[in-house]
Protein backbone atom coordinates (compact mmCIF):
# COMPACT_ATOMS: atom_id res chain seq x y z
CA MET A 1 201.38 144.41 108.87
CA SER A 2 204.00 144.61 111.43
CA ILE A 3 205.03 147.46 113.66
CA ARG A 4 208.24 146.77 115.68
CA LEU A 5 208.27 148.06 119.28
CA ALA A 6 211.77 147.62 120.72
CA ALA A 7 211.97 147.36 124.52
CA TRP A 8 212.65 150.90 125.05
CA ALA A 9 216.14 152.38 124.95
CA ALA A 10 217.29 155.61 123.25
CA LEU A 11 214.86 157.95 121.67
CA ALA A 12 214.79 158.12 117.91
CA ALA A 13 214.99 161.71 116.47
CA THR A 14 211.36 161.82 116.02
CA LEU A 15 210.14 160.48 119.36
CA SER A 16 209.59 162.01 122.62
CA LEU A 17 209.44 159.96 125.57
CA VAL A 18 207.06 160.37 128.66
CA GLY A 19 207.02 158.52 131.79
CA CYS A 20 203.66 158.54 133.45
CA GLY A 21 202.62 158.10 137.11
CA GLY A 22 204.41 157.02 140.32
CA GLY A 23 204.72 154.06 142.40
CA GLY A 24 207.93 153.05 140.81
CA GLY A 25 206.49 152.08 137.34
CA GLY A 26 207.54 155.02 135.49
CA ILE A 27 210.68 155.69 133.55
CA GLY A 28 212.68 158.09 135.77
CA GLY A 29 213.56 158.27 139.44
CA THR A 30 213.20 154.69 140.49
CA GLY A 31 216.65 153.33 140.69
CA ALA A 32 215.44 150.10 139.31
CA PRO A 33 217.44 148.15 136.67
CA MET A 34 216.65 149.46 133.22
CA GLY A 35 216.14 147.48 129.88
CA THR A 36 215.28 148.69 126.39
CA ALA A 37 212.09 147.88 124.24
CA GLN A 38 212.04 148.37 120.45
CA PHE A 39 208.69 148.46 118.58
CA SER A 40 207.74 147.87 114.85
CA VAL A 41 204.54 147.27 113.00
CA THR A 42 203.90 144.85 110.16
CA ASP A 43 200.74 143.49 108.08
CA ALA A 44 199.27 140.46 106.65
CA PRO A 45 197.13 140.71 103.33
CA ALA A 46 194.17 142.98 102.98
CA CYS A 47 190.96 141.86 101.24
CA GLY A 48 189.75 144.28 98.58
CA PHE A 49 191.71 147.32 99.55
CA ASP A 50 194.50 149.35 97.70
CA ALA A 51 195.51 151.05 101.14
CA VAL A 52 194.53 150.82 104.82
CA ASN A 53 196.10 153.93 106.71
CA ILE A 54 196.26 154.29 110.52
CA THR A 55 197.94 157.33 112.23
CA ILE A 56 199.92 156.15 115.41
CA GLU A 57 200.33 158.72 118.22
CA LYS A 58 201.87 156.64 120.91
CA VAL A 59 202.58 153.25 122.55
CA ARG A 60 201.96 152.56 126.15
CA VAL A 61 202.84 149.60 128.34
CA HIS A 62 202.13 148.50 131.89
CA GLN A 63 203.10 145.87 134.13
CA SER A 64 199.60 145.17 135.28
CA ALA A 65 196.83 143.84 132.70
CA ALA A 66 194.21 145.52 134.85
CA ALA A 67 195.69 148.96 134.76
CA GLY A 68 193.30 151.84 133.88
CA ASP A 69 193.90 154.77 131.58
CA ASN A 70 194.77 157.00 134.48
CA ASP A 71 196.54 154.74 136.86
CA GLY A 72 200.17 155.46 137.70
CA GLY A 73 202.94 153.16 136.48
CA TRP A 74 202.43 153.67 132.63
CA SER A 75 205.46 154.06 130.30
CA GLU A 76 205.07 155.28 126.81
CA VAL A 77 206.46 156.17 123.61
CA VAL A 78 205.19 159.42 121.98
CA LEU A 79 205.62 159.80 118.11
CA SER A 80 205.83 163.49 117.42
CA PRO A 81 204.47 164.22 114.82
CA ALA A 82 202.06 161.05 114.82
CA LYS A 83 203.16 158.60 112.24
CA ARG A 84 200.68 157.70 109.33
CA VAL A 85 201.29 154.18 108.13
CA ASP A 86 199.93 152.36 105.12
CA LEU A 87 199.58 148.75 106.46
CA LEU A 88 199.35 147.30 102.92
CA ALA A 89 203.06 148.45 102.38
CA LEU A 90 204.20 146.09 105.32
CA THR A 91 203.97 142.71 103.71
CA ASN A 92 206.63 140.18 102.82
CA GLY A 93 208.62 140.74 106.11
CA VAL A 94 208.77 144.70 105.72
CA LEU A 95 208.68 146.31 109.33
CA GLU A 96 207.92 149.94 110.09
CA ASP A 97 209.91 151.20 113.04
CA LEU A 98 208.16 153.03 115.84
CA GLY A 99 211.05 153.68 118.03
CA GLN A 100 212.46 152.63 121.47
CA THR A 101 212.81 153.83 124.84
CA GLN A 102 214.18 152.86 128.44
CA LEU A 103 211.99 151.39 131.01
CA PRO A 104 212.24 149.44 134.26
CA ALA A 105 213.22 145.71 133.69
CA GLY A 106 210.47 143.27 134.33
CA THR A 107 207.26 141.65 132.65
CA TYR A 108 204.80 143.94 130.80
CA THR A 109 201.34 142.36 130.47
CA GLN A 110 199.27 145.33 128.83
CA LEU A 111 200.12 147.24 125.78
CA ARG A 112 198.07 150.08 124.24
CA LEU A 113 198.39 151.33 120.61
CA VAL A 114 196.91 154.90 120.56
CA LEU A 115 195.73 156.01 117.10
CA SER A 116 194.97 159.65 116.28
CA ALA A 117 191.36 160.60 115.99
CA ASN A 118 189.97 161.64 112.45
CA ASN A 119 188.96 165.22 112.95
CA GLY A 120 188.68 168.54 110.90
CA ALA A 121 192.39 169.15 110.66
CA HIS A 122 193.02 165.43 109.65
CA PRO A 123 189.71 163.77 108.33
CA LEU A 124 191.58 160.86 106.83
CA ALA A 125 194.05 160.10 109.87
CA ASN A 126 192.66 156.62 109.55
CA SER A 127 191.43 155.54 106.30
CA VAL A 128 190.85 152.79 103.65
CA VAL A 129 190.99 152.84 99.77
CA PRO A 130 188.66 150.21 98.49
CA THR A 131 190.02 148.82 95.39
CA GLY A 132 188.64 150.91 92.34
CA ALA A 133 187.15 153.55 94.83
CA ALA A 134 188.17 156.80 96.54
CA GLU A 135 189.67 157.09 99.93
CA ILE A 136 187.26 157.32 102.86
CA ALA A 137 187.52 157.74 106.53
CA LEU A 138 188.03 154.70 108.71
CA THR A 139 185.64 154.78 111.70
CA THR A 140 187.52 154.15 115.00
CA PRO A 141 185.06 152.95 117.74
CA SER A 142 184.92 155.44 120.81
CA GLY A 143 185.98 152.68 123.12
CA GLN A 144 189.46 152.82 121.42
CA GLN A 145 190.08 156.48 122.26
CA SER A 146 192.34 155.08 125.13
CA GLY A 147 194.31 152.86 122.82
CA ILE A 148 193.87 149.52 121.38
CA LYS A 149 194.35 147.13 124.21
CA LEU A 150 196.54 144.09 124.03
CA ASN A 151 197.23 141.62 126.71
CA VAL A 152 200.95 140.69 126.26
CA ASN A 153 203.73 138.95 127.97
CA LEU A 154 206.81 141.27 127.06
CA GLN A 155 210.01 140.30 129.07
CA VAL A 156 212.45 143.26 129.25
CA GLU A 157 215.79 142.34 130.63
CA ALA A 158 218.13 144.78 132.49
CA GLY A 159 220.87 145.94 130.23
CA LYS A 160 219.34 144.35 127.17
CA VAL A 161 217.18 145.27 124.24
CA ALA A 162 213.95 143.44 123.69
CA ASP A 163 212.46 143.65 120.09
CA PHE A 164 208.76 143.37 119.75
CA VAL A 165 206.72 143.47 116.46
CA LEU A 166 202.89 144.29 116.30
CA ASP A 167 201.35 142.14 113.66
CA PHE A 168 198.34 144.06 112.40
CA ASP A 169 195.87 142.04 110.23
CA ALA A 170 194.26 144.49 108.10
CA CYS A 171 192.15 142.07 106.27
CA LYS A 172 190.50 141.02 109.50
CA SER A 173 190.55 144.46 110.94
CA VAL A 174 188.45 146.42 108.47
CA VAL A 175 184.77 145.77 108.63
CA LYS A 176 182.09 146.89 106.16
CA ARG A 177 179.05 148.58 107.50
CA GLY A 178 176.27 147.44 105.28
CA THR A 179 175.49 149.59 102.27
CA SER A 180 176.47 152.81 103.97
CA GLY A 181 179.73 152.88 102.30
CA GLU A 182 181.62 153.03 105.67
CA TYR A 183 184.06 150.76 107.30
CA ASN A 184 184.84 150.21 110.87
CA LEU A 185 188.21 149.66 112.54
CA LYS A 186 187.92 146.21 114.41
CA PRO A 187 191.77 145.66 115.23
CA VAL A 188 193.17 142.10 115.18
CA VAL A 189 196.76 142.61 116.44
CA SER A 190 199.41 140.07 117.68
CA VAL A 191 202.53 140.99 119.42
CA ILE A 192 205.56 138.73 118.28
CA PRO A 193 208.96 138.98 120.29
CA VAL A 194 211.92 139.02 117.93
CA ILE A 195 214.82 137.02 119.40
CA SER A 196 217.29 137.16 116.30
CA ASP A 197 217.17 138.84 113.00
CA ALA A 198 219.03 135.96 111.48
CA GLY A 199 216.17 133.43 111.47
CA LEU A 200 212.39 133.51 112.47
CA ARG A 201 211.51 133.58 108.83
CA VAL A 202 210.13 131.30 106.03
CA VAL A 203 211.07 131.96 102.60
CA GLY A 204 209.91 130.58 99.30
CA PHE A 205 208.26 130.82 96.09
CA VAL A 206 204.81 130.08 94.46
CA ASP A 207 204.07 129.91 90.73
CA PRO A 208 204.21 133.39 89.34
CA ALA A 209 200.85 132.63 87.53
CA ILE A 210 199.17 132.96 91.14
CA ALA A 211 201.35 135.85 92.44
CA LEU A 212 198.35 137.94 92.91
CA GLY A 213 197.01 140.07 95.73
CA SER A 214 194.35 137.55 96.27
CA THR A 215 196.66 134.72 96.90
CA THR A 216 197.75 134.19 100.59
CA VAL A 217 200.61 132.28 102.04
CA SER A 218 200.53 131.56 105.86
CA VAL A 219 202.17 129.46 108.38
CA GLN A 220 199.69 127.81 110.75
CA LEU A 221 199.51 125.97 114.04
CA ASP A 222 196.67 123.68 114.45
CA GLY A 223 194.42 125.85 112.20
CA LYS A 224 195.58 129.16 113.82
CA THR A 225 197.35 131.58 111.42
CA VAL A 226 200.50 132.82 112.92
CA LYS A 227 201.84 134.80 110.08
CA SER A 228 200.56 135.54 106.58
CA THR A 229 201.37 137.54 103.42
CA PRO A 230 200.68 137.64 99.69
CA PRO A 231 203.74 136.69 97.44
CA ASP A 232 205.39 139.45 95.41
CA ALA A 233 205.12 139.74 91.58
CA ALA A 234 207.72 136.97 91.06
CA GLY A 235 206.02 134.66 93.37
CA ARG A 236 208.42 135.05 96.27
CA PHE A 237 207.21 135.15 99.78
CA VAL A 238 208.72 135.86 103.18
CA LEU A 239 206.97 135.41 106.48
CA TYR A 240 208.65 137.30 109.22
CA PRO A 241 208.55 137.34 112.04
CA VAL A 242 207.64 133.90 113.03
CA PRO A 243 208.12 132.56 116.43
CA VAL A 244 210.52 129.41 116.86
CA GLY A 245 208.39 126.16 116.31
CA GLN A 246 207.23 123.80 113.68
CA TYR A 247 204.20 124.81 111.34
CA ASP A 248 202.04 123.97 108.26
CA LEU A 249 202.54 126.26 105.40
CA VAL A 250 199.25 126.97 103.63
CA VAL A 251 198.90 128.34 100.10
CA THR A 252 195.31 129.62 99.28
CA ALA A 253 194.49 131.06 95.76
CA ALA A 254 191.43 131.75 93.91
CA GLY A 255 190.36 128.87 91.63
CA ARG A 256 193.02 126.56 93.14
CA ALA A 257 192.96 123.86 95.55
CA THR A 258 194.51 124.53 98.92
CA ALA A 259 198.26 123.57 99.16
CA VAL A 260 199.76 122.50 102.63
CA MET A 261 203.47 121.82 103.54
CA THR A 262 203.63 120.09 106.83
CA GLY A 263 206.38 120.10 109.35
CA VAL A 264 208.03 123.42 108.34
CA PRO A 265 210.58 124.39 111.27
CA VAL A 266 211.40 127.97 112.31
CA THR A 267 214.66 128.53 114.18
CA THR A 268 216.51 131.71 115.46
CA THR A 269 219.73 130.91 113.66
CA ALA A 270 218.74 130.92 109.74
CA PRO A 271 215.78 131.32 107.51
CA THR A 272 213.78 128.31 106.53
CA GLN A 273 213.90 128.21 102.72
CA VAL A 274 211.09 125.79 101.75
CA ASN A 275 211.84 125.76 97.81
CA SER A 276 213.40 127.71 95.06
CA ALA A 277 212.03 129.86 92.28
CA ALA A 278 212.99 126.72 89.91
CA VAL A 279 210.56 124.44 92.17
CA PRO A 280 207.57 126.73 92.95
CA ILE A 281 204.52 125.71 94.63
CA VAL A 282 201.82 125.20 92.09
CA PRO A 283 198.41 124.54 93.46
CA ALA A 284 196.16 122.38 91.23
CA ALA A 285 193.18 124.16 89.45
CA SER A 286 189.85 123.68 91.35
CA THR A 287 186.25 124.57 90.90
CA THR A 288 184.77 126.70 93.77
CA ARG A 289 181.46 126.88 95.67
CA SER A 290 180.02 129.99 97.48
CA VAL A 291 178.75 129.60 101.03
CA ASP A 292 176.98 132.36 102.77
CA GLY A 293 174.98 133.15 105.91
CA THR A 294 174.53 135.38 109.02
CA VAL A 295 176.06 135.85 112.36
CA THR A 296 174.26 137.36 115.21
CA PRO A 297 175.61 139.56 116.92
CA ALA A 298 177.27 141.12 113.94
CA ASP A 299 180.53 141.53 115.75
CA ALA A 300 181.43 137.84 115.60
CA THR A 301 183.86 136.29 113.15
CA VAL A 302 183.75 133.41 110.74
CA ARG A 303 186.36 131.21 109.13
CA ALA A 304 186.42 127.93 107.19
CA LEU A 305 188.69 125.00 108.49
CA GLN A 306 189.67 121.80 106.82
CA THR A 307 191.24 118.76 108.65
CA LEU A 308 193.43 116.68 106.48
CA THR A 309 193.90 112.82 106.70
CA GLY A 310 196.26 112.61 109.62
CA GLY A 311 194.93 115.39 111.63
CA HIS A 312 196.56 118.51 110.25
CA LYS A 313 193.85 121.23 110.63
CA VAL A 314 194.19 124.31 108.47
CA GLU A 315 192.39 127.61 107.98
CA VAL A 316 191.46 127.87 104.25
CA GLN A 317 189.53 131.16 104.46
CA TRP A 318 188.40 133.90 106.87
CA ALA A 319 185.09 135.47 106.20
CA ALA A 320 184.48 139.31 106.58
CA VAL A 321 181.33 139.80 108.69
CA ASP A 322 179.28 143.01 107.76
CA ALA A 323 179.19 145.19 110.93
CA LEU A 324 175.52 146.00 110.44
CA THR A 325 173.67 142.95 108.88
CA GLY A 326 176.07 140.14 110.14
CA ALA A 327 176.18 138.74 106.67
CA PHE A 328 179.16 136.73 105.52
CA GLY A 329 180.30 134.91 102.41
CA LEU A 330 183.06 132.51 101.49
CA VAL A 331 184.27 130.91 98.19
CA LEU A 332 185.81 127.54 98.91
CA PRO A 333 187.70 124.94 96.70
CA VAL A 334 185.70 121.72 95.78
CA GLN A 335 188.59 119.66 94.81
CA ALA A 336 190.82 117.91 97.43
CA PRO A 337 193.47 119.77 99.13
CA VAL A 338 197.20 118.70 98.42
CA SER A 339 199.76 118.31 100.98
CA THR A 340 203.43 117.29 101.08
CA ALA A 341 205.97 117.07 104.03
CA TYR A 342 208.88 119.63 104.18
CA VAL A 343 212.42 118.59 103.10
CA PRO A 344 215.34 120.78 103.17
CA ASN A 345 216.48 122.09 99.54
CA PRO A 346 214.02 119.98 97.56
CA ALA A 347 214.83 119.14 94.16
CA SER A 348 211.35 118.84 93.33
CA LEU A 349 207.87 119.01 95.04
CA SER A 350 205.27 116.33 94.90
CA PHE A 351 201.85 117.22 96.58
CA THR A 352 199.42 114.44 97.06
CA PRO A 353 195.65 114.98 96.85
CA ASP A 354 193.67 114.04 100.05
CA ALA A 355 190.62 112.80 98.40
CA ALA A 356 189.02 111.86 101.60
CA VAL A 357 188.51 115.20 102.67
CA ALA A 358 187.61 116.83 99.40
CA GLY A 359 184.89 119.58 99.77
CA LYS A 360 184.50 119.11 103.50
CA TYR A 361 184.92 122.00 105.83
CA THR A 362 184.03 123.17 109.32
CA LEU A 363 182.55 126.63 109.58
CA GLU A 364 183.71 128.28 112.91
CA ALA A 365 181.94 131.35 114.35
CA THR A 366 183.45 133.15 117.28
CA SER A 367 181.77 135.84 119.44
CA SER A 368 183.21 137.18 122.79
CA GLY A 369 185.18 133.93 123.16
CA SER A 370 182.42 131.55 122.55
CA ILE A 371 182.71 129.34 119.58
CA LYS A 372 180.07 127.61 117.44
CA THR A 373 180.77 125.38 114.47
CA GLN A 374 178.89 123.70 111.55
CA ALA A 375 180.17 120.93 109.20
CA ILE A 376 179.49 121.66 105.45
CA ASP A 377 180.31 119.76 102.09
CA VAL A 378 180.77 122.14 99.10
CA THR A 379 180.72 119.19 96.66
CA SER A 380 176.94 120.27 96.44
CA ALA A 381 175.07 123.28 97.20
CA VAL A 382 175.27 124.54 100.66
CA PRO A 383 172.06 126.37 102.28
CA PRO A 384 172.62 129.52 103.97
CA VAL A 385 174.31 129.07 107.30
CA SER A 386 173.27 131.02 110.39
CA PHE A 387 174.97 131.42 113.82
CA THR A 388 173.22 132.76 116.85
CA PHE A 389 174.97 133.74 120.10
CA PRO A 390 173.16 134.71 123.39
């Protein structure tokens, strides 16, 4: 899910602007050159939910990454009334505008996204709708009351508009709490500057037969997902915004081998069209193997990586970790991943199986910046895997 934050200029009709603190960091009275910041929000796919709702009250920025809640120098956009957003409506390049404001030109290294609290008047301000179940409140940890803190590097130039998108990954941000029927919000958010509306996007098609909510298309860099989305009902996908660079395009779908297109370029000048509806990406069928285990502490994360012959490393699956028990589970393809190199306007696509790495994965657990890994081979049953951090 992406939320756009434009380096702050004119006030939108539904926004009020507040400049906080002295010392030259606020909005008014400084005589400093001014720029504009525009903000939006977007999302990646979610896992097992029909809706993930958050209610946004304000966005705050500061030029110091160490600034505290009550320090001077904060600038903020206040949404009045607060805006309730269903993150699952923000896939395939859809952005939700949060408004813009003026602020002193310079580099901003801290951003806080402040959400409304669930209370008696608004018990479902932040909520989830599990597939096939009723809407329930989403618990926001007390430590987030001052806002979801993001360390950023936002450049705002005098006399110009800087456009930023908050990419909110609902799949990785909603964590189940054992058998309580409750869910925690554990935000996974990145901030992407948008330099041009013309490019910064990857467009293509998967076979409509796999155009399901469980199918994920992503662009990755050395095994790290930069942007992901489910395809629409016709199989079309749009990955936006994506920073300029060269990426691996990865398609994962239930009961299918992982498909990888290497060397996909992204520029500011035009969209990158990887294929057409007449030449869709059709991953081969694959059997699967379940892998489960536990992580201590339970706030760690787990993912499954696969390294192709030639060195391209891709994330095949990310595992939700239960917030109470630390349990996780993945379902991984047994058959070999298939890959092909990007070519402009392909008349056909020919994916080659990478038999040497069939069934071979690395599980990677992360906790407070520390990483532990374990190699597994799903061509046969895998015993439960446990990771313990100090």
